[in-house]
Every structure is written in structure tokens, then in C-alpha cells.
C-alpha atoms as a PDB file:
ATOM      1  CA  UNK A   1     -86.344  82.916  69.369  1.00  0.00           C
ATOM      2  CA  UNK A   2     -86.244  79.521  67.625  1.00  0.00           C
ATOM      3  CA  UNK A   3     -90.048  79.437  67.604  1.00  0.00           C
ATOM      4  CA  UNK A   4     -90.138  82.907  66.055  1.00  0.00           C
ATOM      5  CA  UNK A   5     -87.674  81.871  63.353  1.00  0.00           C
ATOM      6  CA  UNK A   6     -89.721  78.740  62.590  1.00  0.00           C
ATOM      7  CA  UNK A   7     -92.861  80.826  62.185  1.00  0.00           C
ATOM      8  CA  UNK A   8     -90.969  83.305  60.021  1.00  0.00           C
ATOM      9  CA  UNK A   9     -89.610  80.576  57.725  1.00  0.00           C
ATOM     10  CA  UNK A  10     -93.026  78.921  57.443  1.00  0.00           C
ATOM     11  CA  UNK A  11     -94.543  82.265  56.515  1.00  0.00           C
ATOM     12  CA  UNK A  12     -91.880  82.867  53.872  1.00  0.00           C
ATOM     13  CA  UNK A  13     -92.552  79.430  52.386  1.00  0.00           C
ATOM     14  CA  UNK A  14     -96.288  80.039  52.202  1.00  0.00           C
ATOM     15  CA  UNK A  15     -95.701  83.439  50.617  1.00  0.00           C
ATOM     16  CA  UNK A  16     -93.451  81.915  47.944  1.00  0.00           C
ATOM     17  CA  UNK A  17     -95.994  79.181  47.268  1.00  0.00           C
ATOM     18  CA  UNK A  18     -98.789  81.710  46.939  1.00  0.00           C
ATOM     19  CA  UNK A  19     -96.767  83.899  44.583  1.00  0.00           C
ATOM     20  CA  UNK A  20     -96.050  80.912  42.355  1.00  0.00           C
ATOM     21  CA  UNK A  21     -99.776  80.721  41.672  1.00  0.00           C
ATOM     22  CA  UNK A  22    -100.429  84.407  41.513  1.00  0.00           C
ATOM     23  CA  UNK A  23     -97.973  85.920  39.109  1.00  0.00           C
ATOM     24  CA  UNK A  24     -98.371  88.912  41.456  1.00  0.00           C
ATOM     25  CA  UNK A  25    -101.849  89.503  40.014  1.00  0.00           C
ATOM     26  CA  UNK A  26    -104.006  87.665  42.466  1.00  0.00           C
ATOM     27  CA  UNK A  27    -104.591  84.026  43.307  1.00  0.00           C
ATOM     28  CA  UNK A  28    -105.027  81.685  40.328  1.00  0.00           C
ATOM     29  CA  UNK A  29    -107.027  78.611  41.295  1.00  0.00           C
ATOM     30  CA  UNK A  30    -107.106  75.266  39.493  1.00  0.00           C
ATOM     31  CA  UNK A  31    -110.567  76.098  38.177  1.00  0.00           C
ATOM     32  CA  UNK A  32    -109.270  79.399  36.834  1.00  0.00           C
ATOM     33  CA  UNK A  33    -106.387  77.641  35.098  1.00  0.00           C
ATOM     34  CA  UNK A  34    -108.827  75.121  33.620  1.00  0.00           C
ATOM     35  CA  UNK A  35    -110.978  77.949  32.293  1.00  0.00           C
ATOM     36  CA  UNK A  36    -107.928  79.660  30.794  1.00  0.00           C
ATOM     37  CA  UNK A  37    -106.995  76.496  28.901  1.00  0.00           C
ATOM     38  CA  UNK A  38    -110.559  75.747  27.780  1.00  0.00           C
ATOM     39  CA  UNK A  39    -111.099  79.301  26.544  1.00  0.00           C
ATOM     40  CA  UNK A  40    -107.750  79.326  24.719  1.00  0.00           C
ATOM     41  CA  UNK A  41    -108.455  76.013  22.987  1.00  0.00           C
ATOM     42  CA  UNK A  42    -111.951  77.132  21.978  1.00  0.00           C
ATOM     43  CA  UNK A  43    -110.590  80.313  20.431  1.00  0.00           C
ATOM     44  CA  UNK A  44    -107.865  78.385  18.628  1.00  0.00           C
ATOM     45  CA  UNK A  45    -109.876  75.428  17.260  1.00  0.00           C
ATOM     46  CA  UNK A  46    -113.429  76.789  17.268  1.00  0.00           C
ATOM     47  CA  UNK A  47    -114.845  73.963  19.378  1.00  0.00           C
ATOM     48  CA  UNK A  48    -115.580  73.230  23.018  1.00  0.00           C
ATOM     49  CA  UNK A  49    -113.102  71.478  25.311  1.00  0.00           C
ATOM     50  CA  UNK A  50    -113.060  70.224  28.881  1.00  0.00           C
ATOM     51  CA  UNK A  51    -110.007  70.302  31.116  1.00  0.00           C
ATOM     52  CA  UNK A  52    -110.252  67.576  33.774  1.00  0.00           C
ATOM     53  CA  UNK A  53    -107.020  68.089  35.685  1.00  0.00           C
ATOM     54  CA  UNK A  54    -104.182  70.575  36.219  1.00  0.00           C
ATOM     55  CA  UNK A  55    -100.574  69.561  36.843  1.00  0.00           C
ATOM     56  CA  UNK A  56     -97.636  71.870  37.643  1.00  0.00           C
ATOM     57  CA  UNK A  57     -95.040  72.010  34.890  1.00  0.00           C
ATOM     58  CA  UNK A  58     -91.795  71.036  36.603  1.00  0.00           C
ATOM     59  CA  UNK A  59     -89.639  72.475  33.800  1.00  0.00           C
ATOM     60  CA  UNK A  60     -91.047  76.010  33.780  1.00  0.00           C
ATOM     61  CA  UNK A  61     -91.991  78.090  36.799  1.00  0.00           C
ATOM     62  CA  UNK A  62     -95.487  79.535  36.601  1.00  0.00           C
ATOM     63  CA  UNK A  63     -96.532  77.083  33.867  1.00  0.00           C
ATOM     64  CA  UNK A  64     -99.226  74.436  34.292  1.00  0.00           C
ATOM     65  CA  UNK A  65    -100.385  71.512  32.172  1.00  0.00           C
ATOM     66  CA  UNK A  66    -104.030  70.618  31.724  1.00  0.00           C
ATOM     67  CA  UNK A  67    -105.392  67.201  30.757  1.00  0.00           C
ATOM     68  CA  UNK A  68    -108.094  67.913  28.196  1.00  0.00           C
ATOM     69  CA  UNK A  69    -110.445  66.473  25.585  1.00  0.00           C
ATOM     70  CA  UNK A  70    -112.938  67.924  23.078  1.00  0.00           C
ATOM     71  CA  UNK A  71    -116.415  67.731  24.598  1.00  0.00           C
ATOM     72  CA  UNK A  72    -117.717  65.739  21.632  1.00  0.00           C
ATOM     73  CA  UNK A  73    -114.945  63.125  21.894  1.00  0.00           C
ATOM     74  CA  UNK A  74    -114.034  62.239  25.462  1.00  0.00           C
ATOM     75  CA  UNK A  75    -111.619  59.495  24.409  1.00  0.00           C
ATOM     76  CA  UNK A  76    -109.311  61.926  22.587  1.00  0.00           C
ATOM     77  CA  UNK A  77    -107.164  62.973  25.547  1.00  0.00           C
ATOM     78  CA  UNK A  78    -104.296  65.435  25.200  1.00  0.00           C
ATOM     79  CA  UNK A  79    -102.287  67.922  27.234  1.00  0.00           C
ATOM     80  CA  UNK A  80    -102.226  71.708  26.954  1.00  0.00           C
ATOM     81  CA  UNK A  81    -100.086  74.164  28.906  1.00  0.00           C
ATOM     82  CA  UNK A  82    -100.752  77.662  30.181  1.00  0.00           C
ATOM     83  CA  UNK A  83     -98.924  80.277  32.240  1.00  0.00           C
ATOM     84  CA  UNK A  84    -100.598  81.904  35.220  1.00  0.00           C
ATOM     85  CA  UNK A  85    -100.900  85.141  33.234  1.00  0.00           C
ATOM     86  CA  UNK A  86    -103.109  83.292  30.724  1.00  0.00           C
ATOM     87  CA  UNK A  87    -100.525  82.995  27.939  1.00  0.00           C
ATOM     88  CA  UNK A  88    -100.760  79.640  26.161  1.00  0.00           C
ATOM     89  CA  UNK A  89     -97.677  77.427  26.149  1.00  0.00           C
ATOM     90  CA  UNK A  90     -98.862  75.089  23.381  1.00  0.00           C
ATOM     91  CA  UNK A  91    -101.035  71.988  23.193  1.00  0.00           C
ATOM     92  CA  UNK A  92    -100.924  68.495  21.739  1.00  0.00           C
ATOM     93  CA  UNK A  93    -104.395  68.358  20.208  1.00  0.00           C
ATOM     94  CA  UNK A  94    -103.160  67.925  16.587  1.00  0.00           C
ATOM     95  CA  UNK A  95    -100.608  65.359  17.749  1.00  0.00           C
ATOM     96  CA  UNK A  96    -103.277  63.341  19.579  1.00  0.00           C
ATOM     97  CA  UNK A  97    -105.537  63.325  16.523  1.00  0.00           C
ATOM     98  CA  UNK A  98    -102.686  62.006  14.388  1.00  0.00           C
ATOM     99  CA  UNK A  99    -101.579  59.500  17.035  1.00  0.00           C
ATOM    100  CA  UNK A 100    -105.056  58.018  17.292  1.00  0.00           C
ATOM    101  CA  UNK A 101    -105.053  57.461  13.525  1.00  0.00           C
ATOM    102  CA  UNK A 102    -101.735  55.631  13.930  1.00  0.00           C
ATOM    103  CA  UNK A 103    -103.356  53.474  16.642  1.00  0.00           C
ATOM    104  CA  UNK A 104    -106.254  52.619  14.330  1.00  0.00           C
ATOM    105  CA  UNK A 105    -103.955  51.665  11.460  1.00  0.00           C
ATOM    106  CA  UNK A 106    -101.900  49.439  13.754  1.00  0.00           C
ATOM    107  CA  UNK A 107    -104.997  47.759  15.221  1.00  0.00           C
ATOM    108  CA  UNK A 108    -106.606  47.215  11.817  1.00  0.00           C
ATOM    109  CA  UNK A 109    -103.538  45.310  10.638  1.00  0.00           C
ATOM    110  CA  UNK A 110    -103.037  43.514  13.960  1.00  0.00           C
ATOM    111  CA  UNK A 111    -106.572  42.122  14.134  1.00  0.00           C
ATOM    112  CA  UNK A 112    -106.622  39.349  16.760  1.00  0.00           C
ATOM    113  CA  UNK A 113    -102.859  38.942  16.692  1.00  0.00           C
ATOM    114  CA  UNK A 114    -102.603  39.799  20.402  1.00  0.00           C
ATOM    115  CA  UNK A 115    -106.095  38.779  21.452  1.00  0.00           C
ATOM    116  CA  UNK A 116    -108.114  41.300  23.448  1.00  0.00           C
ATOM    117  CA  UNK A 117    -106.034  44.460  23.739  1.00  0.00           C
ATOM    118  CA  UNK A 118    -105.976  48.266  23.856  1.00  0.00           C
ATOM    119  CA  UNK A 119    -103.519  50.339  21.798  1.00  0.00           C
ATOM    120  CA  UNK A 120    -102.370  53.860  22.607  1.00  0.00           C
ATOM    121  CA  UNK A 121     -99.987  55.694  20.278  1.00  0.00           C
ATOM    122  CA  UNK A 122     -98.128  58.835  21.252  1.00  0.00           C
ATOM    123  CA  UNK A 123     -95.425  61.114  19.875  1.00  0.00           C
ATOM    124  CA  UNK A 124     -93.945  64.124  21.654  1.00  0.00           C
ATOM    125  CA  UNK A 125     -93.335  65.992  18.377  1.00  0.00           C
ATOM    126  CA  UNK A 126     -96.130  68.543  18.437  1.00  0.00           C
ATOM    127  CA  UNK A 127     -97.205  71.170  15.937  1.00  0.00           C
ATOM    128  CA  UNK A 128     -98.786  74.321  17.326  1.00  0.00           C
ATOM    129  CA  UNK A 129     -99.044  76.752  14.406  1.00  0.00           C
ATOM    130  CA  UNK A 130    -102.152  78.645  13.287  1.00  0.00           C
ATOM    131  CA  UNK A 131    -102.300  76.895   9.912  1.00  0.00           C
ATOM    132  CA  UNK A 132    -102.731  73.535  11.608  1.00  0.00           C
ATOM    133  CA  UNK A 133    -105.348  74.953  13.981  1.00  0.00           C
ATOM    134  CA  UNK A 134    -107.298  76.266  10.999  1.00  0.00           C
ATOM    135  CA  UNK A 135    -107.093  72.876   9.276  1.00  0.00           C
ATOM    136  CA  UNK A 136    -108.690  71.286  12.338  1.00  0.00           C
ATOM    137  CA  UNK A 137    -111.329  74.013  12.614  1.00  0.00           C
ATOM    138  CA  UNK A 138    -112.198  73.502   8.928  1.00  0.00           C
ATOM    139  CA  UNK A 139    -112.244  69.682   9.336  1.00  0.00           C
ATOM    140  CA  UNK A 140    -109.389  69.374   6.827  1.00  0.00           C
ATOM    141  CA  UNK A 141    -106.716  67.957   9.142  1.00  0.00           C
ATOM    142  CA  UNK A 142    -105.362  64.560   8.048  1.00  0.00           C
ATOM    143  CA  UNK A 143    -102.560  62.240   9.127  1.00  0.00           C
ATOM    144  CA  UNK A 144    -100.765  62.841   5.843  1.00  0.00           C
ATOM    145  CA  UNK A 145    -100.904  66.611   6.393  1.00  0.00           C
ATOM    146  CA  UNK A 146     -99.565  66.161   9.923  1.00  0.00           C
ATOM    147  CA  UNK A 147     -96.563  64.143   8.733  1.00  0.00           C
ATOM    148  CA  UNK A 148     -95.640  66.414   5.836  1.00  0.00           C
ATOM    149  CA  UNK A 149     -96.284  69.659   7.677  1.00  0.00           C
ATOM    150  CA  UNK A 150     -94.337  68.542  10.766  1.00  0.00           C
ATOM    151  CA  UNK A 151     -91.271  68.001   8.643  1.00  0.00           C
ATOM    152  CA  UNK A 152     -91.680  71.225   6.674  1.00  0.00           C
ATOM    153  CA  UNK A 153     -92.182  73.475   9.677  1.00  0.00           C
ATOM    154  CA  UNK A 154     -90.016  71.854  12.329  1.00  0.00           C
ATOM    155  CA  UNK A 155     -87.330  70.191  10.187  1.00  0.00           C
ATOM    156  CA  UNK A 156     -87.547  66.735  11.733  1.00  0.00           C
ATOM    157  CA  UNK A 157     -85.190  65.348   9.033  1.00  0.00           C
ATOM    158  CA  UNK A 158     -87.952  63.045   7.817  1.00  0.00           C
ATOM    159  CA  UNK A 159     -87.722  61.031  11.049  1.00  0.00           C
ATOM    160  CA  UNK A 160     -90.405  60.655  13.715  1.00  0.00           C
ATOM    161  CA  UNK A 161     -90.575  58.402  16.760  1.00  0.00           C
ATOM    162  CA  UNK A 162     -93.930  56.775  17.487  1.00  0.00           C
ATOM    163  CA  UNK A 163     -94.509  55.237  20.918  1.00  0.00           C
ATOM    164  CA  UNK A 164     -96.989  52.395  21.178  1.00  0.00           C
ATOM    165  CA  UNK A 165     -98.346  51.298  24.554  1.00  0.00           C
ATOM    166  CA  UNK A 166    -100.362  48.098  24.195  1.00  0.00           C
ATOM    167  CA  UNK A 167    -102.383  46.575  27.020  1.00  0.00           C
ATOM    168  CA  UNK A 168    -103.156  42.876  26.522  1.00  0.00           C
ATOM    169  CA  UNK A 169    -105.802  40.957  28.490  1.00  0.00           C
ATOM    170  CA  UNK A 170    -104.105  37.606  29.106  1.00  0.00           C
ATOM    171  CA  UNK A 171    -107.412  35.990  30.100  1.00  0.00           C
ATOM    172  CA  UNK A 172    -108.608  36.225  26.477  1.00  0.00           C
ATOM    173  CA  UNK A 173    -107.841  33.761  23.689  1.00  0.00           C
ATOM    174  CA  UNK A 174    -104.322  34.159  22.370  1.00  0.00           C
ATOM    175  CA  UNK A 175    -102.048  32.972  19.588  1.00  0.00           C
ATOM    176  CA  UNK A 176     -98.622  31.386  19.808  1.00  0.00           C
ATOM    177  CA  UNK A 177     -95.784  33.710  20.763  1.00  0.00           C
ATOM    178  CA  UNK A 178     -94.366  33.333  17.258  1.00  0.00           C
ATOM    179  CA  UNK A 179     -97.689  34.452  15.754  1.00  0.00           C
ATOM    180  CA  UNK A 180     -97.860  37.393  18.145  1.00  0.00           C
ATOM    181  CA  UNK A 181     -94.426  38.590  17.048  1.00  0.00           C
ATOM    182  CA  UNK A 182     -95.235  38.245  13.349  1.00  0.00           C
ATOM    183  CA  UNK A 183     -98.522  40.107  13.799  1.00  0.00           C
ATOM    184  CA  UNK A 184     -96.804  42.988  15.631  1.00  0.00           C
ATOM    185  CA  UNK A 185     -94.050  43.355  12.997  1.00  0.00           C
ATOM    186  CA  UNK A 186     -96.516  43.166  10.096  1.00  0.00           C
ATOM    187  CA  UNK A 187     -98.664  45.861  11.701  1.00  0.00           C
ATOM    188  CA  UNK A 188     -95.664  48.139  12.175  1.00  0.00           C
ATOM    189  CA  UNK A 189     -94.690  47.597   8.541  1.00  0.00           C
ATOM    190  CA  UNK A 190     -98.098  48.916   7.502  1.00  0.00           C
ATOM    191  CA  UNK A 191     -97.768  51.972   9.729  1.00  0.00           C
ATOM    192  CA  UNK A 192     -94.277  52.579   8.351  1.00  0.00           C
ATOM    193  CA  UNK A 193     -95.661  52.571   4.791  1.00  0.00           C
ATOM    194  CA  UNK A 194     -98.201  55.212   5.786  1.00  0.00           C
ATOM    195  CA  UNK A 195     -95.331  57.285   7.127  1.00  0.00           C
ATOM    196  CA  UNK A 196     -93.435  57.028   3.849  1.00  0.00           C
ATOM    197  CA  UNK A 197     -96.505  58.330   2.033  1.00  0.00           C
ATOM    198  CA  UNK A 198     -96.097  61.453   4.168  1.00  0.00           C
ATOM    199  CA  UNK A 199     -92.349  61.632   3.472  1.00  0.00           C
ATOM    200  CA  UNK A 200     -91.597  60.532   7.046  1.00  0.00           C
ATOM    201  CA  UNK A 201     -89.519  57.562   8.213  1.00  0.00           C
ATOM    202  CA  UNK A 202     -91.394  56.382  11.286  1.00  0.00           C
ATOM    203  CA  UNK A 203     -89.553  54.341  13.880  1.00  0.00           C
ATOM    204  CA  UNK A 204     -91.193  52.723  16.879  1.00  0.00           C
ATOM    205  CA  UNK A 205     -90.831  52.156  20.607  1.00  0.00           C
ATOM    206  CA  UNK A 206     -93.213  49.588  22.063  1.00  0.00           C
ATOM    207  CA  UNK A 207     -94.268  48.792  25.610  1.00  0.00           C
ATOM    208  CA  UNK A 208     -96.574  45.767  25.773  1.00  0.00           C
ATOM    209  CA  UNK A 209     -98.349  45.067  29.071  1.00  0.00           C
ATOM    210  CA  UNK A 210     -99.577  41.495  29.542  1.00  0.00           C
ATOM    211  CA  UNK A 211    -102.038  41.641  32.442  1.00  0.00           C
ATOM    212  CA  UNK A 212    -104.999  39.691  33.901  1.00  0.00           C
ATOM    213  CA  UNK A 213    -108.575  40.883  33.292  1.00  0.00           C
ATOM    214  CA  UNK A 214    -108.954  42.933  36.478  1.00  0.00           C
ATOM    215  CA  UNK A 215    -105.677  44.785  35.922  1.00  0.00           C
ATOM    216  CA  UNK A 216    -106.570  45.251  32.251  1.00  0.00           C
ATOM    217  CA  UNK A 217    -109.665  47.180  33.337  1.00  0.00           C
ATOM    218  CA  UNK A 218    -107.590  49.314  35.723  1.00  0.00           C
ATOM    219  CA  UNK A 219    -105.230  50.159  32.849  1.00  0.00           C
ATOM    220  CA  UNK A 220    -108.156  51.228  30.671  1.00  0.00           C
ATOM    221  CA  UNK A 221    -109.357  53.474  33.480  1.00  0.00           C
ATOM    222  CA  UNK A 222    -105.890  55.034  33.612  1.00  0.00           C
ATOM    223  CA  UNK A 223    -106.325  56.217  30.010  1.00  0.00           C
ATOM    224  CA  UNK A 224    -109.659  57.786  30.926  1.00  0.00           C
ATOM    225  CA  UNK A 225    -107.741  60.210  33.192  1.00  0.00           C
ATOM    226  CA  UNK A 226    -104.361  60.613  31.492  1.00  0.00           C
ATOM    227  CA  UNK A 227    -103.064  61.754  28.131  1.00  0.00           C
ATOM    228  CA  UNK A 228     -99.493  60.537  28.615  1.00  0.00           C
ATOM    229  CA  UNK A 229     -98.021  57.244  29.789  1.00  0.00           C
ATOM    230  CA  UNK A 230     -96.172  57.665  33.054  1.00  0.00           C
ATOM    231  CA  UNK A 231     -94.622  55.327  35.614  1.00  0.00           C
ATOM    232  CA  UNK A 232     -97.920  55.050  37.480  1.00  0.00           C
ATOM    233  CA  UNK A 233     -99.184  52.785  34.669  1.00  0.00           C
ATOM    234  CA  UNK A 234     -96.293  50.420  35.393  1.00  0.00           C
ATOM    235  CA  UNK A 235     -97.326  50.468  39.058  1.00  0.00           C
ATOM    236  CA  UNK A 236    -100.831  49.380  38.062  1.00  0.00           C
ATOM    237  CA  UNK A 237     -99.516  46.565  35.893  1.00  0.00           C
ATOM    238  CA  UNK A 238     -96.715  45.214  38.065  1.00  0.00           C
ATOM    239  CA  UNK A 239     -97.321  46.696  41.515  1.00  0.00           C
ATOM    240  CA  UNK A 240     -95.136  49.082  43.496  1.00  0.00           C
ATOM    241  CA  UNK A 241     -92.567  47.990  44.317  1.00  0.00           C
ATOM    242  CA  UNK A 242     -92.819  45.560  41.343  1.00  0.00           C
ATOM    243  CA  UNK A 243     -94.296  42.184  42.252  1.00  0.00           C
ATOM    244  CA  UNK A 244     -94.774  40.847  38.712  1.00  0.00           C
ATOM    245  CA  UNK A 245     -92.985  40.672  35.362  1.00  0.00           C
ATOM    246  CA  UNK A 246     -95.618  41.837  32.867  1.00  0.00           C
ATOM    247  CA  UNK A 247     -94.015  44.406  30.520  1.00  0.00           C
ATOM    248  CA  UNK A 248     -91.996  43.779  27.365  1.00  0.00           C
ATOM    249  CA  UNK A 249     -90.254  46.781  25.788  1.00  0.00           C
ATOM    250  CA  UNK A 250     -88.435  46.923  22.448  1.00  0.00           C
ATOM    251  CA  UNK A 251     -87.730  49.199  19.483  1.00  0.00           C
ATOM    252  CA  UNK A 252     -88.267  48.706  15.758  1.00  0.00           C
ATOM    253  CA  UNK A 253     -87.064  50.824  12.850  1.00  0.00           C
ATOM    254  CA  UNK A 254     -84.295  53.190  11.793  1.00  0.00           C
ATOM    255  CA  UNK A 255     -83.404  54.166  15.354  1.00  0.00           C
ATOM    256  CA  UNK A 256     -83.358  51.253  17.774  1.00  0.00           C
ATOM    257  CA  UNK A 257     -81.988  51.747  21.268  1.00  0.00           C
ATOM    258  CA  UNK A 258     -83.497  48.484  22.464  1.00  0.00           C
ATOM    259  CA  UNK A 259     -83.792  46.091  19.491  1.00  0.00           C
ATOM    260  CA  UNK A 260     -85.242  42.604  19.849  1.00  0.00           C
ATOM    261  CA  UNK A 261     -85.283  39.394  17.828  1.00  0.00           C
ATOM    262  CA  UNK A 262     -88.181  36.980  17.530  1.00  0.00           C
ATOM    263  CA  UNK A 263     -86.278  34.479  19.668  1.00  0.00           C
ATOM    264  CA  UNK A 264     -85.755  37.070  22.411  1.00  0.00           C
ATOM    265  CA  UNK A 265     -89.433  38.025  22.319  1.00  0.00           C
ATOM    266  CA  UNK A 266     -90.533  34.405  22.633  1.00  0.00           C
ATOM    267  CA  UNK A 267     -88.205  33.907  25.600  1.00  0.00           C
ATOM    268  CA  UNK A 268     -89.417  37.057  27.404  1.00  0.00           C
ATOM    269  CA  UNK A 269     -93.035  36.280  26.586  1.00  0.00           C
ATOM    270  CA  UNK A 270     -92.678  32.918  28.301  1.00  0.00           C
ATOM    271  CA  UNK A 271     -91.367  34.628  31.425  1.00  0.00           C
ATOM    272  CA  UNK A 272     -94.344  36.984  31.762  1.00  0.00           C
ATOM    273  CA  UNK A 273     -96.432  36.273  34.855  1.00  0.00           C
END
């Protein structure tokens, strides 16, 4: 009897798992979900995309997130969601375009302030409307449009959080810790000015990873497969469980949950291994 019940429960579990991918309309494979996302993005933006991975959306049953990029720009990674019935649940293509511009502005001002490094900007405030999609299709999408339109459509109260993840190769030539701090703050000031031009008060959260050359390369490879920064990047940098102290996190701007002074940065920078 116990064996029968075990088989019955296992069967019920498998049935529930199957139904979660079927929507009661037949099995939906990962390749099918990828095709759904690629086709939806092509129709929306009038260009070709590739979806390289599918992840279940833990917040919504029957919804899946694809990691994607336009086929003519593999480095522009973003996420797009879809339900098993093919209905789109939004994408972060416009946000990723804008975020990359914010990375470029930061890096241009930073120069060699942190030595050899990689910068990845991200904001979770997405815009998904048809007007924005048409701007991209017509090659008229700009960072200034993104900032102004985001506030107009979604009422962000002229405030937007920008997350910067910066990977630093500690084997390269570097400046003093004081010079690093000044270079970071000056770069953020320049980005903030760009935000004001778009009627948006940008505030910043920074995670700076100071890692040796081999780990630096592993971190770069992470961004070849992922559009968002998750805890697995910390595992690459510091090990799991953590074996090193290589990450400095602080906030700058109007909203600061974790503020830092130059003196605190210098102290933490000296403790990085």
C-alpha cells in the first residue's frame, strides 16, 4: 500500500510539473519558449534577436524569462519574459540600451582611474510601450528620450536608481586609493549631470570587485551569459562559501542606504585581498 501511495504521489508531482509547462495546450519546450521570445521581439523592434537561455520566473506561475541579445550586437544582453501561451510579459531591451550609454559615460570620465576594469550599468525601471519600441525600430532612441519618457509615462518622480557593477583587474597598474575615490566620484558627477539634462535625478549604487587576472576573466565570461548581476558573480569573485574579501559596496546621491566617505573607502580598499 505504501509503495502504491509513493507511486501515486510521484505521478501527481510529474503531472503538475508537466502542466506548469503546458498551459493545458501541449508541452512547451525551452526551444519553443526561446522561439516565442525571439519572434515577439522581432515583431516589436523590427530586428533579429537570439535567446540563449530560459529561466523560470519565480514570481509568476507559467511565466519564463529569456536571456537575449540582438543578433548584430551580442554584447547588449537583456532579459525578456513570456507566458507559456505566448503572451509577452515585457522586456528590458530599451533599458539595456540606455544602461550601456550610462556605462560609456562613466568609463569615459573615469579613464584609467581604476586601472584595467569592466563596467556594467543596470536599472530595473523598464519602459515597454509601443512608442519606445518604434523609436528603437526607427533608430531614434536616445538616452535623453529614455530619461524623459520614463518619467512622463511611469511617474518616477524624477528619480532613478542606477546600479554600477565594476570589475577591476588588480594585476594591472593602479592609482592610489585616494585617486581611485576621486575618479569614481567625478565620473558619477558627470553621469548625474546627464541625468539632469533629462529631468531625472540619478542616484547610484556601486559594487566594485577587485580581483586577480584569472578571476577577472571569469567575471567577464559571466557577463557573456547573463543580463543581470546575481549572487553567482559574488561566488566567482570571493568563492562559495566566501574565502576572500574582494567587494566594496556603497551608494552615492539623493538616496543613500549605504553611504561611504573617502576615509572609509581607503580603509576598505586596503583590506581587499
